[in-house]
Amino acid sequence: MAKLIVNGKVIGEVEGGTKLGDLHHEIEKAGIEFGCTDGQCGVCVCTVKRGLECLEEPSEAEEETLWRIGEYEENRRLTCQLVVKNGACDIIELESED
């Protein structure tokens, strides 16, 4: 289990295998907006401040969207596409641009 922190707000504990897009209602309350939740629009782009190693690698579809919207840095990801690795770490911290 990892503690999920979004824009400084603790969302709660997330288990390995959790897709953060499934928590979009809670994450939106902390300030990361969602659009499509399937990785196509790029609205939910965030910076992974801590715990990048705790997350599965981006899918080809996520990489294509990130490239299309001009996000090339490894720690810039689509929140809706983030999946927590099993037994990965203690803290995952995300931050939006706003």
PDB file of N, CA and C in Angstrom:
ATOM      1  N   MET A   1       0.846  -1.188   0.000  1.00  0.00           N
ATOM      2  CA  MET A   1       0.000   0.000   0.000  1.00  0.00           C
ATOM      3  C   MET A   1       0.888   1.247   0.000  1.00  0.00           C
ATOM      4  N   ALA A   2       0.456   2.220  -0.764  1.00  0.00           N
ATOM      5  CA  ALA A   2       1.193   3.481  -0.839  1.00  0.00           C
ATOM      6  C   ALA A   2       0.242   4.623  -0.499  1.00  0.00           C
ATOM      7  N   LYS A   3       0.767   5.619   0.181  1.00  0.00           N
ATOM      8  CA  LYS A   3      -0.019   6.812   0.478  1.00  0.00           C
ATOM      9  C   LYS A   3      -0.032   7.681  -0.766  1.00  0.00           C
ATOM     10  N   LEU A   4      -1.218   8.090  -1.224  1.00  0.00           N
ATOM     11  CA  LEU A   4      -1.360   8.951  -2.397  1.00  0.00           C
ATOM     12  C   LEU A   4      -1.590  10.384  -1.946  1.00  0.00           C
ATOM     13  N   ILE A   5      -0.702  11.273  -2.402  1.00  0.00           N
ATOM     14  CA  ILE A   5      -0.783  12.699  -2.076  1.00  0.00           C
ATOM     15  C   ILE A   5      -0.928  13.465  -3.384  1.00  0.00           C
ATOM     16  N   VAL A   6      -1.947  14.316  -3.465  1.00  0.00           N
ATOM     17  CA  VAL A   6      -2.196  15.113  -4.663  1.00  0.00           C
ATOM     18  C   VAL A   6      -2.257  16.585  -4.264  1.00  0.00           C
ATOM     19  N   ASN A   7      -1.365  17.382  -4.843  1.00  0.00           N
ATOM     20  CA  ASN A   7      -1.298  18.819  -4.532  1.00  0.00           C
ATOM     21  C   ASN A   7      -1.265  19.071  -3.029  1.00  0.00           C
ATOM     22  N   GLY A   8      -0.484  18.239  -2.321  1.00  0.00           N
ATOM     23  CA  GLY A   8      -0.314  18.402  -0.883  1.00  0.00           C
ATOM     24  C   GLY A   8      -1.423  17.815  -0.036  1.00  0.00           C
ATOM     25  N   LYS A   9      -2.468  17.279  -0.635  1.00  0.00           N
ATOM     26  CA  LYS A   9      -3.593  16.695   0.112  1.00  0.00           C
ATOM     27  C   LYS A   9      -3.506  15.176   0.082  1.00  0.00           C
ATOM     28  N   VAL A  10      -3.599  14.553   1.240  1.00  0.00           N
ATOM     29  CA  VAL A  10      -3.569  13.101   1.314  1.00  0.00           C
ATOM     30  C   VAL A  10      -4.911  12.553   0.844  1.00  0.00           C
ATOM     31  N   ILE A  11      -4.876  11.741  -0.204  1.00  0.00           N
ATOM     32  CA  ILE A  11      -6.087  11.129  -0.749  1.00  0.00           C
ATOM     33  C   ILE A  11      -6.405   9.850   0.009  1.00  0.00           C
ATOM     34  N   GLY A  12      -5.357   9.108   0.354  1.00  0.00           N
ATOM     35  CA  GLY A  12      -5.535   7.853   1.083  1.00  0.00           C
ATOM     36  C   GLY A  12      -4.518   6.825   0.635  1.00  0.00           C
ATOM     37  N   GLU A  13      -4.727   5.581   1.045  1.00  0.00           N
ATOM     38  CA  GLU A  13      -3.839   4.480   0.706  1.00  0.00           C
ATOM     39  C   GLU A  13      -4.327   3.822  -0.586  1.00  0.00           C
ATOM     40  N   VAL A  14      -3.392   3.481  -1.458  1.00  0.00           N
ATOM     41  CA  VAL A  14      -3.732   2.786  -2.703  1.00  0.00           C
ATOM     42  C   VAL A  14      -2.946   1.487  -2.774  1.00  0.00           C
ATOM     43  N   GLU A  15      -3.613   0.434  -3.196  1.00  0.00           N
ATOM     44  CA  GLU A  15      -2.994  -0.881  -3.321  1.00  0.00           C
ATOM     45  C   GLU A  15      -2.352  -1.033  -4.684  1.00  0.00           C
ATOM     46  N   GLY A  16      -1.426  -1.982  -4.784  1.00  0.00           N
ATOM     47  CA  GLY A  16      -0.857  -2.336  -6.069  1.00  0.00           C
ATOM     48  C   GLY A  16      -1.970  -2.762  -7.012  1.00  0.00           C
ATOM     49  N   GLY A  17      -1.845  -2.369  -8.267  1.00  0.00           N
ATOM     50  CA  GLY A  17      -2.861  -2.685  -9.264  1.00  0.00           C
ATOM     51  C   GLY A  17      -3.938  -1.627  -9.414  1.00  0.00           C
ATOM     52  N   THR A  18      -3.961  -0.644  -8.510  1.00  0.00           N
ATOM     53  CA  THR A  18      -4.960   0.426  -8.580  1.00  0.00           C
ATOM     54  C   THR A  18      -4.671   1.343  -9.752  1.00  0.00           C
ATOM     55  N   LYS A  19      -5.688   1.600 -10.570  1.00  0.00           N
ATOM     56  CA  LYS A  19      -5.585   2.592 -11.647  1.00  0.00           C
ATOM     57  C   LYS A  19      -6.121   3.906 -11.090  1.00  0.00           C
ATOM     58  N   LEU A  20      -5.285   4.946 -11.081  1.00  0.00           N
ATOM     59  CA  LEU A  20      -5.682   6.207 -10.451  1.00  0.00           C
ATOM     60  C   LEU A  20      -6.857   6.867 -11.160  1.00  0.00           C
ATOM     61  N   GLY A  21      -7.076   6.545 -12.419  1.00  0.00           N
ATOM     62  CA  GLY A  21      -8.254   7.057 -13.119  1.00  0.00           C
ATOM     63  C   GLY A  21      -9.550   6.624 -12.451  1.00  0.00           C
ATOM     64  N   ASP A  22      -9.522   5.475 -11.758  1.00  0.00           N
ATOM     65  CA  ASP A  22     -10.704   5.003 -11.041  1.00  0.00           C
ATOM     66  C   ASP A  22     -10.995   5.848  -9.804  1.00  0.00           C
ATOM     67  N   LEU A  23     -10.029   6.649  -9.376  1.00  0.00           N
ATOM     68  CA  LEU A  23     -10.188   7.522  -8.199  1.00  0.00           C
ATOM     69  C   LEU A  23     -10.389   8.975  -8.619  1.00  0.00           C
ATOM     70  N   HIS A  24     -10.839   9.195  -9.853  1.00  0.00           N
ATOM     71  CA  HIS A  24     -10.871  10.560 -10.379  1.00  0.00           C
ATOM     72  C   HIS A  24     -11.727  11.511  -9.563  1.00  0.00           C
ATOM     73  N   HIS A  25     -12.795  11.039  -8.930  1.00  0.00           N
ATOM     74  CA  HIS A  25     -13.624  11.953  -8.121  1.00  0.00           C
ATOM     75  C   HIS A  25     -12.815  12.513  -6.947  1.00  0.00           C
ATOM     76  N   GLU A  26     -12.079  11.639  -6.257  1.00  0.00           N
ATOM     77  CA  GLU A  26     -11.269  12.081  -5.120  1.00  0.00           C
ATOM     78  C   GLU A  26     -10.101  12.960  -5.575  1.00  0.00           C
ATOM     79  N   ILE A  27      -9.467  12.578  -6.684  1.00  0.00           N
ATOM     80  CA  ILE A  27      -8.310  13.325  -7.175  1.00  0.00           C
ATOM     81  C   ILE A  27      -8.730  14.694  -7.702  1.00  0.00           C
ATOM     82  N   GLU A  28      -9.895  14.792  -8.331  1.00  0.00           N
ATOM     83  CA  GLU A  28     -10.390  16.097  -8.802  1.00  0.00           C
ATOM     84  C   GLU A  28     -10.607  17.052  -7.637  1.00  0.00           C
ATOM     85  N   LYS A  29     -11.064  16.554  -6.511  1.00  0.00           N
ATOM     86  CA  LYS A  29     -11.271  17.404  -5.334  1.00  0.00           C
ATOM     87  C   LYS A  29      -9.959  18.010  -4.851  1.00  0.00           C
ATOM     88  N   ALA A  30      -8.835  17.332  -5.154  1.00  0.00           N
ATOM     89  CA  ALA A  30      -7.516  17.835  -4.765  1.00  0.00           C
ATOM     90  C   ALA A  30      -6.902  18.729  -5.842  1.00  0.00           C
ATOM     91  N   GLY A  31      -7.608  18.910  -6.966  1.00  0.00           N
ATOM     92  CA  GLY A  31      -7.166  19.906  -7.932  1.00  0.00           C
ATOM     93  C   GLY A  31      -6.639  19.425  -9.270  1.00  0.00           C
ATOM     94  N   ILE A  32      -6.651  18.114  -9.544  1.00  0.00           N
ATOM     95  CA  ILE A  32      -6.265  17.647 -10.876  1.00  0.00           C
ATOM     96  C   ILE A  32      -7.550  17.359 -11.641  1.00  0.00           C
ATOM     97  N   GLU A  33      -7.766  18.108 -12.716  1.00  0.00           N
ATOM     98  CA  GLU A  33      -8.978  17.931 -13.516  1.00  0.00           C
ATOM     99  C   GLU A  33      -8.842  16.739 -14.441  1.00  0.00           C
ATOM    100  N   PHE A  34      -9.973  16.120 -14.726  1.00  0.00           N
ATOM    101  CA  PHE A  34     -10.021  15.007 -15.671  1.00  0.00           C
ATOM    102  C   PHE A  34     -10.954  15.387 -16.807  1.00  0.00           C
ATOM    103  N   GLY A  35     -10.691  14.831 -17.971  1.00  0.00           N
ATOM    104  CA  GLY A  35     -11.569  15.007 -19.123  1.00  0.00           C
ATOM    105  C   GLY A  35     -12.168  13.668 -19.484  1.00  0.00           C
ATOM    106  N   CYS A  36     -11.466  12.945 -20.332  1.00  0.00           N
ATOM    107  CA  CYS A  36     -11.991  11.694 -20.882  1.00  0.00           C
ATOM    108  C   CYS A  36     -11.770  10.476 -19.978  1.00  0.00           C
ATOM    109  N   THR A  37     -10.808  10.488 -19.114  1.00  0.00           N
ATOM    110  CA  THR A  37     -10.351   9.393 -18.248  1.00  0.00           C
ATOM    111  C   THR A  37      -9.848   8.166 -19.000  1.00  0.00           C
ATOM    112  N   ASP A  38      -9.646   8.252 -20.319  1.00  0.00           N
ATOM    113  CA  ASP A  38      -9.084   7.108 -21.042  1.00  0.00           C
ATOM    114  C   ASP A  38      -7.762   7.440 -21.734  1.00  0.00           C
ATOM    115  N   GLY A  39      -7.138   8.554 -21.352  1.00  0.00           N
ATOM    116  CA  GLY A  39      -5.811   8.872 -21.839  1.00  0.00           C
ATOM    117  C   GLY A  39      -5.732   9.561 -23.181  1.00  0.00           C
ATOM    118  N   GLN A  40      -6.840  10.048 -23.698  1.00  0.00           N
ATOM    119  CA  GLN A  40      -6.842  10.659 -25.028  1.00  0.00           C
ATOM    120  C   GLN A  40      -6.752  12.189 -25.008  1.00  0.00           C
ATOM    121  N   CYS A  41      -7.314  12.834 -23.985  1.00  0.00           N
ATOM    122  CA  CYS A  41      -7.429  14.297 -24.037  1.00  0.00           C
ATOM    123  C   CYS A  41      -6.223  15.037 -23.454  1.00  0.00           C
ATOM    124  N   GLY A  42      -5.560  14.462 -22.457  1.00  0.00           N
ATOM    125  CA  GLY A  42      -4.397  15.106 -21.863  1.00  0.00           C
ATOM    126  C   GLY A  42      -4.706  16.133 -20.800  1.00  0.00           C
ATOM    127  N   VAL A  43      -5.963  16.265 -20.403  1.00  0.00           N
ATOM    128  CA  VAL A  43      -6.347  17.272 -19.402  1.00  0.00           C
ATOM    129  C   VAL A  43      -5.711  16.981 -18.043  1.00  0.00           C
ATOM    130  N   CYS A  44      -5.571  15.715 -17.686  1.00  0.00           N
ATOM    131  CA  CYS A  44      -5.134  15.332 -16.336  1.00  0.00           C
ATOM    132  C   CYS A  44      -3.622  15.191 -16.204  1.00  0.00           C
ATOM    133  N   VAL A  45      -2.862  15.816 -17.078  1.00  0.00           N
ATOM    134  CA  VAL A  45      -1.408  15.713 -16.992  1.00  0.00           C
ATOM    135  C   VAL A  45      -0.935  16.251 -15.646  1.00  0.00           C
ATOM    136  N   CYS A  46       0.046  15.555 -15.049  1.00  0.00           N
ATOM    137  CA  CYS A  46       0.565  15.950 -13.743  1.00  0.00           C
ATOM    138  C   CYS A  46       2.065  15.695 -13.701  1.00  0.00           C
ATOM    139  N   THR A  47       2.693  16.208 -12.648  1.00  0.00           N
ATOM    140  CA  THR A  47       4.084  15.907 -12.367  1.00  0.00           C
ATOM    141  C   THR A  47       4.114  14.901 -11.230  1.00  0.00           C
ATOM    142  N   VAL A  48       4.841  13.813 -11.420  1.00  0.00           N
ATOM    143  CA  VAL A  48       5.026  12.837 -10.347  1.00  0.00           C
ATOM    144  C   VAL A  48       6.222  13.325  -9.532  1.00  0.00           C
ATOM    145  N   LYS A  49       5.943  13.912  -8.364  1.00  0.00           N
ATOM    146  CA  LYS A  49       6.990  14.500  -7.519  1.00  0.00           C
ATOM    147  C   LYS A  49       7.767  13.418  -6.764  1.00  0.00           C
ATOM    148  N   ARG A  50       7.052  12.392  -6.318  1.00  0.00           N
ATOM    149  CA  ARG A  50       7.659  11.269  -5.602  1.00  0.00           C
ATOM    150  C   ARG A  50       6.948   9.998  -6.032  1.00  0.00           C
ATOM    151  N   GLY A  51       7.717   8.907  -6.117  1.00  0.00           N
ATOM    152  CA  GLY A  51       7.112   7.613  -6.366  1.00  0.00           C
ATOM    153  C   GLY A  51       6.988   7.203  -7.821  1.00  0.00           C
ATOM    154  N   LEU A  52       7.730   7.830  -8.723  1.00  0.00           N
ATOM    155  CA  LEU A  52       7.662   7.448 -10.139  1.00  0.00           C
ATOM    156  C   LEU A  52       7.990   5.957 -10.303  1.00  0.00           C
ATOM    157  N   GLU A  53       8.927   5.474  -9.484  1.00  0.00           N
ATOM    158  CA  GLU A  53       9.317   4.064  -9.549  1.00  0.00           C
ATOM    159  C   GLU A  53       8.203   3.128  -9.062  1.00  0.00           C
ATOM    160  N   CYS A  54       7.177   3.694  -8.428  1.00  0.00           N
ATOM    161  CA  CYS A  54       6.050   2.919  -7.902  1.00  0.00           C
ATOM    162  C   CYS A  54       4.954   2.717  -8.939  1.00  0.00           C
ATOM    163  N   LEU A  55       5.114   3.327 -10.092  1.00  0.00           N
ATOM    164  CA  LEU A  55       4.072   3.318 -11.110  1.00  0.00           C
ATOM    165  C   LEU A  55       4.498   2.501 -12.319  1.00  0.00           C
ATOM    166  N   GLU A  56       3.518   1.839 -12.921  1.00  0.00           N
ATOM    167  CA  GLU A  56       3.786   1.086 -14.146  1.00  0.00           C
ATOM    168  C   GLU A  56       4.277   2.047 -15.237  1.00  0.00           C
ATOM    169  N   GLU A  57       5.037   1.532 -16.167  1.00  0.00           N
ATOM    170  CA  GLU A  57       5.509   2.324 -17.306  1.00  0.00           C
ATOM    171  C   GLU A  57       4.305   2.813 -18.123  1.00  0.00           C
ATOM    172  N   PRO A  58       4.441   3.963 -18.788  1.00  0.00           N
ATOM    173  CA  PRO A  58       3.324   4.452 -19.611  1.00  0.00           C
ATOM    174  C   PRO A  58       3.024   3.511 -20.772  1.00  0.00           C
ATOM    175  N   SER A  59       1.752   3.391 -21.085  1.00  0.00           N
ATOM    176  CA  SER A  59       1.347   2.594 -22.241  1.00  0.00           C
ATOM    177  C   SER A  59       1.699   3.369 -23.517  1.00  0.00           C
ATOM    178  N   GLU A  60       1.620   2.688 -24.628  1.00  0.00           N
ATOM    179  CA  GLU A  60       1.881   3.348 -25.909  1.00  0.00           C
ATOM    180  C   GLU A  60       0.880   4.479 -26.138  1.00  0.00           C
ATOM    181  N   ALA A  61      -0.382   4.241 -25.779  1.00  0.00           N
ATOM    182  CA  ALA A  61      -1.417   5.272 -25.951  1.00  0.00           C
ATOM    183  C   ALA A  61      -1.119   6.495 -25.090  1.00  0.00           C
ATOM    184  N   GLU A  62      -0.689   6.282 -23.831  1.00  0.00           N
ATOM    185  CA  GLU A  62      -0.347   7.411 -22.961  1.00  0.00           C
ATOM    186  C   GLU A  62       0.842   8.166 -23.535  1.00  0.00           C
ATOM    187  N   GLU A  63       1.853   7.443 -23.985  1.00  0.00           N
ATOM    188  CA  GLU A  63       3.027   8.097 -24.568  1.00  0.00           C
ATOM    189  C   GLU A  63       2.658   8.931 -25.786  1.00  0.00           C
ATOM    190  N   GLU A  64       1.764   8.425 -26.616  1.00  0.00           N
ATOM    191  CA  GLU A  64       1.328   9.171 -27.801  1.00  0.00           C
ATOM    192  C   GLU A  64       0.622  10.462 -27.403  1.00  0.00           C
ATOM    193  N   THR A  65      -0.251  10.381 -26.388  1.00  0.00           N
ATOM    194  CA  THR A  65      -0.957  11.591 -25.940  1.00  0.00           C
ATOM    195  C   THR A  65       0.020  12.593 -25.343  1.00  0.00           C
ATOM    196  N   LEU A  66       0.939  12.125 -24.494  1.00  0.00           N
ATOM    197  CA  LEU A  66       1.931  13.029 -23.901  1.00  0.00           C
ATOM    198  C   LEU A  66       2.763  13.713 -24.988  1.00  0.00           C
ATOM    199  N   TRP A  67       3.170  12.962 -25.990  1.00  0.00           N
ATOM    200  CA  TRP A  67       3.945  13.528 -27.093  1.00  0.00           C
ATOM    201  C   TRP A  67       3.125  14.585 -27.828  1.00  0.00           C
ATOM    202  N   ARG A  68       1.841  14.252 -28.099  1.00  0.00           N
ATOM    203  CA  ARG A  68       0.965  15.158 -28.858  1.00  0.00           C
ATOM    204  C   ARG A  68       0.760  16.479 -28.132  1.00  0.00           C
ATOM    205  N   ILE A  69       0.686  16.456 -26.791  1.00  0.00           N
ATOM    206  CA  ILE A  69       0.443  17.696 -26.037  1.00  0.00           C
ATOM    207  C   ILE A  69       1.740  18.370 -25.593  1.00  0.00           C
ATOM    208  N   GLY A  70       2.886  17.825 -26.028  1.00  0.00           N
ATOM    209  CA  GLY A  70       4.162  18.482 -25.761  1.00  0.00           C
ATOM    210  C   GLY A  70       4.755  18.213 -24.394  1.00  0.00           C
ATOM    211  N   GLU A  71       4.420  17.091 -23.793  1.00  0.00           N
ATOM    212  CA  GLU A  71       4.975  16.713 -22.482  1.00  0.00           C
ATOM    213  C   GLU A  71       5.999  15.602 -22.695  1.00  0.00           C
ATOM    214  N   TYR A  72       7.283  15.953 -22.583  1.00  0.00           N
ATOM    215  CA  TYR A  72       8.337  15.007 -22.926  1.00  0.00           C
ATOM    216  C   TYR A  72       9.145  14.515 -21.724  1.00  0.00           C
ATOM    217  N   GLU A  73       8.937  15.091 -20.554  1.00  0.00           N
ATOM    218  CA  GLU A  73       9.739  14.716 -19.394  1.00  0.00           C
ATOM    219  C   GLU A  73       9.191  13.445 -18.757  1.00  0.00           C
ATOM    220  N   GLU A  74      10.095  12.613 -18.268  1.00  0.00           N
ATOM    221  CA  GLU A  74       9.727  11.304 -17.725  1.00  0.00           C
ATOM    222  C   GLU A  74       8.727  11.401 -16.567  1.00  0.00           C
ATOM    223  N   ASN A  75       8.850  12.447 -15.754  1.00  0.00           N
ATOM    224  CA  ASN A  75       7.966  12.558 -14.589  1.00  0.00           C
ATOM    225  C   ASN A  75       6.634  13.256 -14.896  1.00  0.00           C
ATOM    226  N   ARG A  76       6.390  13.591 -16.144  1.00  0.00           N
ATOM    227  CA  ARG A  76       5.092  14.149 -16.567  1.00  0.00           C
ATOM    228  C   ARG A  76       4.245  12.997 -17.086  1.00  0.00           C
ATOM    229  N   ARG A  77       3.101  12.772 -16.465  1.00  0.00           N
ATOM    230  CA  ARG A  77       2.262  11.628 -16.804  1.00  0.00           C
ATOM    231  C   ARG A  77       0.798  12.044 -16.825  1.00  0.00           C
ATOM    232  N   LEU A  78      -0.032  11.187 -17.395  1.00  0.00           N
ATOM    233  CA  LEU A  78      -1.477  11.379 -17.372  1.00  0.00           C
ATOM    234  C   LEU A  78      -2.016  10.679 -16.130  1.00  0.00           C
ATOM    235  N   THR A  79      -2.609  11.433 -15.231  1.00  0.00           N
ATOM    236  CA  THR A  79      -3.086  10.874 -13.971  1.00  0.00           C
ATOM    237  C   THR A  79      -4.046   9.712 -14.200  1.00  0.00           C
ATOM    238  N   CYS A  80      -4.923   9.830 -15.180  1.00  0.00           N
ATOM    239  CA  CYS A  80      -5.928   8.785 -15.416  1.00  0.00           C
ATOM    240  C   CYS A  80      -5.319   7.460 -15.837  1.00  0.00           C
ATOM    241  N   GLN A  81      -4.084   7.478 -16.317  1.00  0.00           N
ATOM    242  CA  GLN A  81      -3.446   6.265 -16.811  1.00  0.00           C
ATOM    243  C   GLN A  81      -2.447   5.659 -15.834  1.00  0.00           C
ATOM    244  N   LEU A  82      -2.254   6.288 -14.683  1.00  0.00           N
ATOM    245  CA  LEU A  82      -1.279   5.783 -13.720  1.00  0.00           C
ATOM    246  C   LEU A  82      -1.799   4.528 -13.030  1.00  0.00           C
ATOM    247  N   VAL A  83      -0.956   3.494 -12.994  1.00  0.00           N
ATOM    248  CA  VAL A  83      -1.289   2.245 -12.311  1.00  0.00           C
ATOM    249  C   VAL A  83      -0.186   1.965 -11.297  1.00  0.00           C
ATOM    250  N   VAL A  84      -0.593   1.720 -10.050  1.00  0.00           N
ATOM    251  CA  VAL A  84       0.347   1.460  -8.962  1.00  0.00           C
ATOM    252  C   VAL A  84       0.894   0.040  -9.101  1.00  0.00           C
ATOM    253  N   LYS A  85       2.224  -0.086  -9.007  1.00  0.00           N
ATOM    254  CA  LYS A  85       2.853  -1.411  -9.044  1.00  0.00           C
ATOM    255  C   LYS A  85       2.567  -2.134  -7.731  1.00  0.00           C
ATOM    256  N   ASN A  86       2.557  -3.450  -7.784  1.00  0.00           N
ATOM    257  CA  ASN A  86       2.376  -4.249  -6.572  1.00  0.00           C
ATOM    258  C   ASN A  86       3.583  -4.123  -5.663  1.00  0.00           C
ATOM    259  N   GLY A  87       3.327  -3.846  -4.368  1.00  0.00           N
ATOM    260  CA  GLY A  87       4.374  -3.757  -3.372  1.00  0.00           C
ATOM    261  C   GLY A  87       5.459  -2.754  -3.678  1.00  0.00           C
ATOM    262  N   ALA A  88       5.099  -1.676  -4.321  1.00  0.00           N
ATOM    263  CA  ALA A  88       6.100  -0.791  -4.888  1.00  0.00           C
ATOM    264  C   ALA A  88       6.758   0.167  -3.893  1.00  0.00           C
ATOM    265  N   CYS A  89       5.997   0.903  -3.095  1.00  0.00           N
ATOM    266  CA  CYS A  89       6.627   1.931  -2.260  1.00  0.00           C
ATOM    267  C   CYS A  89       5.668   2.488  -1.226  1.00  0.00           C
ATOM    268  N   ASP A  90       6.140   3.521  -0.518  1.00  0.00           N
ATOM    269  CA  ASP A  90       5.356   4.099   0.575  1.00  0.00           C
ATOM    270  C   ASP A  90       4.527   5.314   0.159  1.00  0.00           C
ATOM    271  N   ILE A  91       5.069   6.155  -0.732  1.00  0.00           N
ATOM    272  CA  ILE A  91       4.391   7.419  -1.062  1.00  0.00           C
ATOM    273  C   ILE A  91       4.425   7.663  -2.567  1.00  0.00           C
ATOM    274  N   ILE A  92       3.268   8.083  -3.084  1.00  0.00           N
ATOM    275  CA  ILE A  92       3.152   8.574  -4.455  1.00  0.00           C
ATOM    276  C   ILE A  92       2.617   9.995  -4.343  1.00  0.00           C
ATOM    277  N   GLU A  93       3.370  10.955  -4.840  1.00  0.00           N
ATOM    278  CA  GLU A  93       2.953  12.358  -4.746  1.00  0.00           C
ATOM    279  C   GLU A  93       2.847  12.956  -6.146  1.00  0.00           C
ATOM    280  N   LEU A  94       1.663  13.492  -6.432  1.00  0.00           N
ATOM    281  CA  LEU A  94       1.374  14.116  -7.724  1.00  0.00           C
ATOM    282  C   LEU A  94       1.104  15.593  -7.534  1.00  0.00           C
ATOM    283  N   GLU A  95       1.427  16.378  -8.556  1.00  0.00           N
ATOM    284  CA  GLU A  95       1.174  17.815  -8.510  1.00  0.00           C
ATOM    285  C   GLU A  95       0.700  18.295  -9.868  1.00  0.00           C
ATOM    286  N   SER A  96      -0.341  19.113  -9.862  1.00  0.00           N
ATOM    287  CA  SER A  96      -0.812  19.710 -11.120  1.00  0.00           C
ATOM    288  C   SER A  96      -0.145  21.055 -11.321  1.00  0.00           C
ATOM    289  N   GLU A  97      -0.300  21.600 -12.495  1.00  0.00           N
ATOM    290  CA  GLU A  97       0.334  22.873 -12.848  1.00  0.00           C
ATOM    291  C   GLU A  97      -0.252  24.073 -12.110  1.00  0.00           C
ATOM    292  N   ASP A  98      -1.533  24.013 -11.815  1.00  0.00           N
ATOM    293  CA  ASP A  98      -2.218  25.188 -11.241  1.00  0.00           C
ATOM    294  C   ASP A  98      -1.709  25.491  -9.862  1.00  0.00           C
TER     295      ASP A  98
END
